[in-house]
Amino acid sequence: MSRTASAGRVPIGGTSWGLPFLAALPKADDAPEWVLGVHEGAVVFMADGYARGTGRPAFASLHIAAGLANGLIGLLNARRSRTPLVVTAGQQDRRHLQQDPMLSGDLVGLAAPR
């Protein structure tokens, strides 16, 4: 998906869930270059700027819950500008869930009325 969507660079948030994903990518000459961003907000803006600059869809990878929330203003900006983005939001390794980590969460529950 990322090969066809981007022009060769994919912003990825500082993410534990993305490491196995990155390791699983084929080591081909045409594999995308992954650009690490420390904050998901910056990652979405990087993807938005890259898509606007190249005229091609861009791909961004985020954590769920807090990571997705950090990227929301960038997603709103991209939507209003009609920037074509593919965004994934992944969960941390399930073994960490027993500790209730900050970067995990129930996305439906976060949006539910109280």
C-alpha atoms as a PDB file:
ATOM      1  CA  MET A   1       0.000   0.000   0.000  1.00  0.00           C
ATOM      2  CA  SER A   2       2.713   2.488   0.931  1.00  0.00           C
ATOM      3  CA  ARG A   3       4.647   1.830  -2.293  1.00  0.00           C
ATOM      4  CA  THR A   4       1.725   2.842  -4.453  1.00  0.00           C
ATOM      5  CA  ALA A   5       0.456   5.628  -2.192  1.00  0.00           C
ATOM      6  CA  SER A   6       3.600   7.645  -1.629  1.00  0.00           C
ATOM      7  CA  ALA A   7       6.417   8.864  -3.768  1.00  0.00           C
ATOM      8  CA  GLY A   8       8.888   6.942  -1.641  1.00  0.00           C
ATOM      9  CA  ARG A   9       8.834   8.488   1.847  1.00  0.00           C
ATOM     10  CA  VAL A  10       6.505   7.533   4.666  1.00  0.00           C
ATOM     11  CA  PRO A  11       6.364   9.505   7.948  1.00  0.00           C
ATOM     12  CA  ILE A  12       6.010   7.256  10.983  1.00  0.00           C
ATOM     13  CA  GLY A  13       5.420   8.304  14.576  1.00  0.00           C
ATOM     14  CA  GLY A  14       7.841   7.317  17.316  1.00  0.00           C
ATOM     15  CA  THR A  15       5.990   4.060  17.718  1.00  0.00           C
ATOM     16  CA  SER A  16       6.549   0.699  19.302  1.00  0.00           C
ATOM     17  CA  TRP A  17       3.856  -0.965  17.212  1.00  0.00           C
ATOM     18  CA  GLY A  18       5.500   0.134  13.985  1.00  0.00           C
ATOM     19  CA  LEU A  19       8.804  -1.646  14.568  1.00  0.00           C
ATOM     20  CA  PRO A  20       7.587  -5.127  13.540  1.00  0.00           C
ATOM     21  CA  PHE A  21       5.790  -3.486  10.613  1.00  0.00           C
ATOM     22  CA  LEU A  22       9.017  -1.848   9.467  1.00  0.00           C
ATOM     23  CA  ALA A  23      10.971  -5.080   9.914  1.00  0.00           C
ATOM     24  CA  ALA A  24       8.437  -6.950   7.794  1.00  0.00           C
ATOM     25  CA  LEU A  25       8.811  -4.647   4.803  1.00  0.00           C
ATOM     26  CA  PRO A  26      10.635  -6.258   1.930  1.00  0.00           C
ATOM     27  CA  LYS A  27      14.211  -5.145   1.512  1.00  0.00           C
ATOM     28  CA  ALA A  28      13.640  -4.230  -2.125  1.00  0.00           C
ATOM     29  CA  ASP A  29      15.214  -1.325  -3.965  1.00  0.00           C
ATOM     30  CA  ASP A  30      11.806   0.292  -4.392  1.00  0.00           C
ATOM     31  CA  ALA A  31      10.787  -0.062  -0.711  1.00  0.00           C
ATOM     32  CA  PRO A  32       9.666   3.289   0.738  1.00  0.00           C
ATOM     33  CA  GLU A  33      11.960   5.336   2.939  1.00  0.00           C
ATOM     34  CA  TRP A  34      10.475   5.651   6.423  1.00  0.00           C
ATOM     35  CA  VAL A  35      10.962   9.049   8.074  1.00  0.00           C
ATOM     36  CA  LEU A  36      10.710   8.964  11.871  1.00  0.00           C
ATOM     37  CA  GLY A  37       8.793  11.769  13.539  1.00  0.00           C
ATOM     38  CA  VAL A  38       8.940  12.158  17.311  1.00  0.00           C
ATOM     39  CA  HIS A  39       5.372  13.459  17.667  1.00  0.00           C
ATOM     40  CA  GLU A  40       2.286  12.301  15.790  1.00  0.00           C
ATOM     41  CA  GLY A  41       1.206  15.871  15.103  1.00  0.00           C
ATOM     42  CA  ALA A  42       4.442  16.443  13.219  1.00  0.00           C
ATOM     43  CA  VAL A  43       4.042  13.111  11.415  1.00  0.00           C
ATOM     44  CA  VAL A  44       0.636  14.063  10.003  1.00  0.00           C
ATOM     45  CA  PHE A  45       1.884  17.500   8.946  1.00  0.00           C
ATOM     46  CA  MET A  46       4.921  15.855   7.305  1.00  0.00           C
ATOM     47  CA  ALA A  47       2.629  13.549   5.331  1.00  0.00           C
ATOM     48  CA  ASP A  48       0.337  16.440   4.426  1.00  0.00           C
ATOM     49  CA  GLY A  49       3.234  18.567   3.165  1.00  0.00           C
ATOM     50  CA  TYR A  50       4.736  15.645   1.284  1.00  0.00           C
ATOM     51  CA  ALA A  51       1.424  14.888  -0.459  1.00  0.00           C
ATOM     52  CA  ARG A  52       0.939  18.528  -1.376  1.00  0.00           C
ATOM     53  CA  GLY A  53       4.504  18.858  -2.637  1.00  0.00           C
ATOM     54  CA  THR A  54       4.478  15.702  -4.749  1.00  0.00           C
ATOM     55  CA  GLY A  55       0.810  15.721  -5.787  1.00  0.00           C
ATOM     56  CA  ARG A  56       0.527  12.059  -4.723  1.00  0.00           C
ATOM     57  CA  PRO A  57      -1.208  10.427  -1.748  1.00  0.00           C
ATOM     58  CA  ALA A  58       0.912  10.086   1.377  1.00  0.00           C
ATOM     59  CA  PHE A  59       0.918   7.515   4.179  1.00  0.00           C
ATOM     60  CA  ALA A  60       1.313   8.196   7.913  1.00  0.00           C
ATOM     61  CA  SER A  61       1.542   5.758  10.814  1.00  0.00           C
ATOM     62  CA  LEU A  62       0.441   6.714  14.349  1.00  0.00           C
ATOM     63  CA  HIS A  63      -0.263   5.226  17.786  1.00  0.00           C
ATOM     64  CA  ILE A  64      -3.927   4.896  18.677  1.00  0.00           C
ATOM     65  CA  ALA A  65      -5.627   6.968  21.396  1.00  0.00           C
ATOM     66  CA  ALA A  66      -3.184   9.741  22.427  1.00  0.00           C
ATOM     67  CA  GLY A  67      -1.180   9.421  19.199  1.00  0.00           C
ATOM     68  CA  LEU A  68      -4.264   9.720  17.025  1.00  0.00           C
ATOM     69  CA  ALA A  69      -5.474  12.630  19.157  1.00  0.00           C
ATOM     70  CA  ASN A  70      -2.109  14.358  18.657  1.00  0.00           C
ATOM     71  CA  GLY A  71      -2.534  14.030  14.893  1.00  0.00           C
ATOM     72  CA  LEU A  72      -6.150  15.218  14.684  1.00  0.00           C
ATOM     73  CA  ILE A  73      -5.473  18.883  13.922  1.00  0.00           C
ATOM     74  CA  GLY A  74      -3.217  17.815  11.057  1.00  0.00           C
ATOM     75  CA  LEU A  75      -5.929  15.467   9.794  1.00  0.00           C
ATOM     76  CA  LEU A  76      -8.482  18.280   9.949  1.00  0.00           C
ATOM     77  CA  ASN A  77      -6.122  20.557   8.039  1.00  0.00           C
ATOM     78  CA  ALA A  78      -5.474  17.864   5.407  1.00  0.00           C
ATOM     79  CA  ARG A  79      -9.188  17.167   5.044  1.00  0.00           C
ATOM     80  CA  ARG A  80     -10.058  20.823   4.530  1.00  0.00           C
ATOM     81  CA  SER A  81      -7.278  21.076   1.951  1.00  0.00           C
ATOM     82  CA  ARG A  82      -8.392  17.831   0.285  1.00  0.00           C
ATOM     83  CA  THR A  83      -4.938  16.340   0.748  1.00  0.00           C
ATOM     84  CA  PRO A  84      -4.994  12.608  -0.007  1.00  0.00           C
ATOM     85  CA  LEU A  85      -3.664  10.776   3.072  1.00  0.00           C
ATOM     86  CA  VAL A  86      -3.649   7.155   4.177  1.00  0.00           C
ATOM     87  CA  VAL A  87      -3.341   7.029   7.970  1.00  0.00           C
ATOM     88  CA  THR A  88      -2.963   3.955  10.154  1.00  0.00           C
ATOM     89  CA  ALA A  89      -3.232   3.995  13.938  1.00  0.00           C
ATOM     90  CA  GLY A  90      -1.850   0.921  15.672  1.00  0.00           C
ATOM     91  CA  GLN A  91      -1.963  -0.541  19.149  1.00  0.00           C
ATOM     92  CA  GLN A  92       1.123  -1.232  21.216  1.00  0.00           C
ATOM     93  CA  ASP A  93       2.248  -4.802  21.757  1.00  0.00           C
ATOM     94  CA  ARG A  94      -0.619  -6.491  23.606  1.00  0.00           C
ATOM     95  CA  ARG A  95       1.745  -7.600  26.386  1.00  0.00           C
ATOM     96  CA  HIS A  96       1.984  -3.951  27.490  1.00  0.00           C
ATOM     97  CA  LEU A  97      -1.793  -3.567  27.889  1.00  0.00           C
ATOM     98  CA  GLN A  98      -1.835  -5.005  31.423  1.00  0.00           C
ATOM     99  CA  GLN A  99       0.009  -1.866  32.540  1.00  0.00           C
ATOM    100  CA  ASP A 100      -2.634   0.435  30.942  1.00  0.00           C
ATOM    101  CA  PRO A 101      -0.106   2.428  28.884  1.00  0.00           C
ATOM    102  CA  MET A 102      -0.774   6.023  27.864  1.00  0.00           C
ATOM    103  CA  LEU A 103      -0.652   5.215  24.149  1.00  0.00           C
ATOM    104  CA  SER A 104      -3.420   2.623  24.208  1.00  0.00           C
ATOM    105  CA  GLY A 105      -7.118   3.004  24.577  1.00  0.00           C
ATOM    106  CA  ASP A 106     -10.641   2.282  23.502  1.00  0.00           C
ATOM    107  CA  LEU A 107     -11.273   4.650  20.585  1.00  0.00           C
ATOM    108  CA  VAL A 108     -15.041   4.077  20.623  1.00  0.00           C
ATOM    109  CA  GLY A 109     -15.125   4.694  24.371  1.00  0.00           C
ATOM    110  CA  LEU A 110     -13.148   7.917  23.986  1.00  0.00           C
ATOM    111  CA  ALA A 111     -15.837   9.319  21.690  1.00  0.00           C
ATOM    112  CA  ALA A 112     -18.877   7.978  23.577  1.00  0.00           C
ATOM    113  CA  PRO A 113     -21.191  10.500  25.260  1.00  0.00           C
ATOM    114  CA  ARG A 114     -21.155  10.442  29.063  1.00  0.00           C
END
